[in-house]
């Protein structure tokens, strides 16, 4: 039980650290110098693509994979239950 809690704590910590690092990248120099303070004028396009891929596309693919796995396990369990029920 302790290892399960430690694993959950580690996952939460990794999520916070990655989110913080990705969010702070523009402060470390991944931005454009500009006098006009518009988001698209200040942000480097390559950072916007990186941000989109790491925060939307990547997690979306990961969730689709996990939900697909959950769905296949549920279908297998339903088939086993139906075979033993009749």
C-alpha atoms as a PDB file:
ATOM      1  CA  UNK A   1       0.000   0.000   0.000  1.00  0.00           C
ATOM      2  CA  UNK A   2       2.869   2.388   0.782  1.00  0.00           C
ATOM      3  CA  UNK A   3       4.441   1.852  -2.638  1.00  0.00           C
ATOM      4  CA  UNK A   4       1.085   2.598  -4.299  1.00  0.00           C
ATOM      5  CA  UNK A   5       0.812   5.918  -2.450  1.00  0.00           C
ATOM      6  CA  UNK A   6       4.452   6.705  -3.210  1.00  0.00           C
ATOM      7  CA  UNK A   7       3.821   5.996  -6.895  1.00  0.00           C
ATOM      8  CA  UNK A   8       0.767   8.292  -6.955  1.00  0.00           C
ATOM      9  CA  UNK A   9       2.758  11.023  -5.224  1.00  0.00           C
ATOM     10  CA  UNK A  10       5.561  10.636  -7.736  1.00  0.00           C
ATOM     11  CA  UNK A  11       3.141  10.888 -10.680  1.00  0.00           C
ATOM     12  CA  UNK A  12       1.576  14.050  -9.261  1.00  0.00           C
ATOM     13  CA  UNK A  13       5.014  15.540  -8.636  1.00  0.00           C
ATOM     14  CA  UNK A  14       6.148  14.779 -12.198  1.00  0.00           C
ATOM     15  CA  UNK A  15       2.984  16.408 -13.609  1.00  0.00           C
ATOM     16  CA  UNK A  16       3.568  19.576 -11.563  1.00  0.00           C
ATOM     17  CA  UNK A  17       7.253  19.766 -12.454  1.00  0.00           C
ATOM     18  CA  UNK A  18       6.631  19.244 -16.186  1.00  0.00           C
ATOM     19  CA  UNK A  19       3.814  21.794 -16.193  1.00  0.00           C
ATOM     20  CA  UNK A  20       5.997  24.329 -14.429  1.00  0.00           C
ATOM     21  CA  UNK A  21       8.951  23.787 -16.765  1.00  0.00           C
ATOM     22  CA  UNK A  22       6.779  24.017 -19.900  1.00  0.00           C
ATOM     23  CA  UNK A  23       5.046  27.130 -18.578  1.00  0.00           C
ATOM     24  CA  UNK A  24       8.310  28.862 -17.667  1.00  0.00           C
ATOM     25  CA  UNK A  25      10.147  28.179 -20.948  1.00  0.00           C
ATOM     26  CA  UNK A  26       9.340  31.657 -22.343  1.00  0.00           C
ATOM     27  CA  UNK A  27      11.013  33.218 -19.289  1.00  0.00           C
ATOM     28  CA  UNK A  28      14.181  31.278 -20.057  1.00  0.00           C
ATOM     29  CA  UNK A  29      14.440  32.800 -23.518  1.00  0.00           C
ATOM     30  CA  UNK A  30      11.990  30.974 -25.774  1.00  0.00           C
ATOM     31  CA  UNK A  31      10.138  34.132 -26.825  1.00  0.00           C
ATOM     32  CA  UNK A  32      10.359  36.966 -29.329  1.00  0.00           C
ATOM     33  CA  UNK A  33      11.383  40.522 -28.485  1.00  0.00           C
ATOM     34  CA  UNK A  34       8.598  42.891 -29.451  1.00  0.00           C
ATOM     35  CA  UNK A  35       7.309  46.322 -28.411  1.00  0.00           C
ATOM     36  CA  UNK A  36       3.656  45.407 -28.907  1.00  0.00           C
ATOM     37  CA  UNK A  37       2.426  43.127 -26.136  1.00  0.00           C
ATOM     38  CA  UNK A  38       0.173  40.706 -27.995  1.00  0.00           C
ATOM     39  CA  UNK A  39       0.370  37.021 -27.218  1.00  0.00           C
ATOM     40  CA  UNK A  40       0.997  35.996 -30.824  1.00  0.00           C
ATOM     41  CA  UNK A  41       3.518  38.818 -31.316  1.00  0.00           C
ATOM     42  CA  UNK A  42       5.536  37.931 -28.205  1.00  0.00           C
ATOM     43  CA  UNK A  43       5.450  34.127 -28.376  1.00  0.00           C
ATOM     44  CA  UNK A  44       7.843  32.289 -30.652  1.00  0.00           C
ATOM     45  CA  UNK A  45       5.845  30.159 -33.149  1.00  0.00           C
ATOM     46  CA  UNK A  46       8.048  27.134 -32.481  1.00  0.00           C
ATOM     47  CA  UNK A  47       7.189  27.390 -28.763  1.00  0.00           C
ATOM     48  CA  UNK A  48       3.479  27.578 -29.602  1.00  0.00           C
ATOM     49  CA  UNK A  49       3.781  24.411 -31.696  1.00  0.00           C
ATOM     50  CA  UNK A  50       5.729  22.715 -28.890  1.00  0.00           C
ATOM     51  CA  UNK A  51       3.135  23.819 -26.337  1.00  0.00           C
ATOM     52  CA  UNK A  52       0.284  22.543 -28.516  1.00  0.00           C
ATOM     53  CA  UNK A  53       1.922  19.161 -29.068  1.00  0.00           C
ATOM     54  CA  UNK A  54       2.952  18.609 -25.433  1.00  0.00           C
ATOM     55  CA  UNK A  55      -0.226  19.848 -23.743  1.00  0.00           C
ATOM     56  CA  UNK A  56      -2.997  18.915 -26.179  1.00  0.00           C
ATOM     57  CA  UNK A  57      -1.950  16.357 -28.796  1.00  0.00           C
ATOM     58  CA  UNK A  58       0.309  14.218 -26.580  1.00  0.00           C
ATOM     59  CA  UNK A  59      -2.123  13.857 -23.669  1.00  0.00           C
ATOM     60  CA  UNK A  60      -4.984  13.330 -26.138  1.00  0.00           C
ATOM     61  CA  UNK A  61      -3.194  10.407 -27.775  1.00  0.00           C
ATOM     62  CA  UNK A  62      -2.295   9.003 -24.365  1.00  0.00           C
ATOM     63  CA  UNK A  63      -5.907   9.235 -23.164  1.00  0.00           C
ATOM     64  CA  UNK A  64      -7.189   7.612 -26.357  1.00  0.00           C
ATOM     65  CA  UNK A  65      -4.748   4.731 -25.838  1.00  0.00           C
ATOM     66  CA  UNK A  66      -5.785   4.258 -22.190  1.00  0.00           C
ATOM     67  CA  UNK A  67      -9.511   4.471 -22.954  1.00  0.00           C
ATOM     68  CA  UNK A  68      -9.055   2.004 -25.810  1.00  0.00           C
ATOM     69  CA  UNK A  69      -7.347  -0.401 -23.419  1.00  0.00           C
ATOM     70  CA  UNK A  70     -10.100   0.054 -20.814  1.00  0.00           C
ATOM     71  CA  UNK A  71     -12.740  -0.528 -23.497  1.00  0.00           C
ATOM     72  CA  UNK A  72     -11.075  -3.745 -24.683  1.00  0.00           C
ATOM     73  CA  UNK A  73     -10.853  -5.063 -21.095  1.00  0.00           C
ATOM     74  CA  UNK A  74     -14.531  -4.273 -20.497  1.00  0.00           C
ATOM     75  CA  UNK A  75     -15.562  -6.026 -23.731  1.00  0.00           C
ATOM     76  CA  UNK A  76     -13.538  -9.122 -22.734  1.00  0.00           C
ATOM     77  CA  UNK A  77     -15.159  -9.161 -19.293  1.00  0.00           C
ATOM     78  CA  UNK A  78     -18.644  -8.811 -20.792  1.00  0.00           C
ATOM     79  CA  UNK A  79     -17.987 -11.718 -23.146  1.00  0.00           C
ATOM     80  CA  UNK A  80     -16.699 -13.897 -20.293  1.00  0.00           C
ATOM     81  CA  UNK A  81     -19.707 -12.960 -18.166  1.00  0.00           C
ATOM     82  CA  UNK A  82     -22.140 -13.697 -21.026  1.00  0.00           C
ATOM     83  CA  UNK A  83     -20.559 -17.135 -21.665  1.00  0.00           C
ATOM     84  CA  UNK A  84     -20.778 -18.149 -17.998  1.00  0.00           C
ATOM     85  CA  UNK A  85     -24.225 -16.612 -17.490  1.00  0.00           C
ATOM     86  CA  UNK A  86     -26.035 -18.732 -20.095  1.00  0.00           C
END
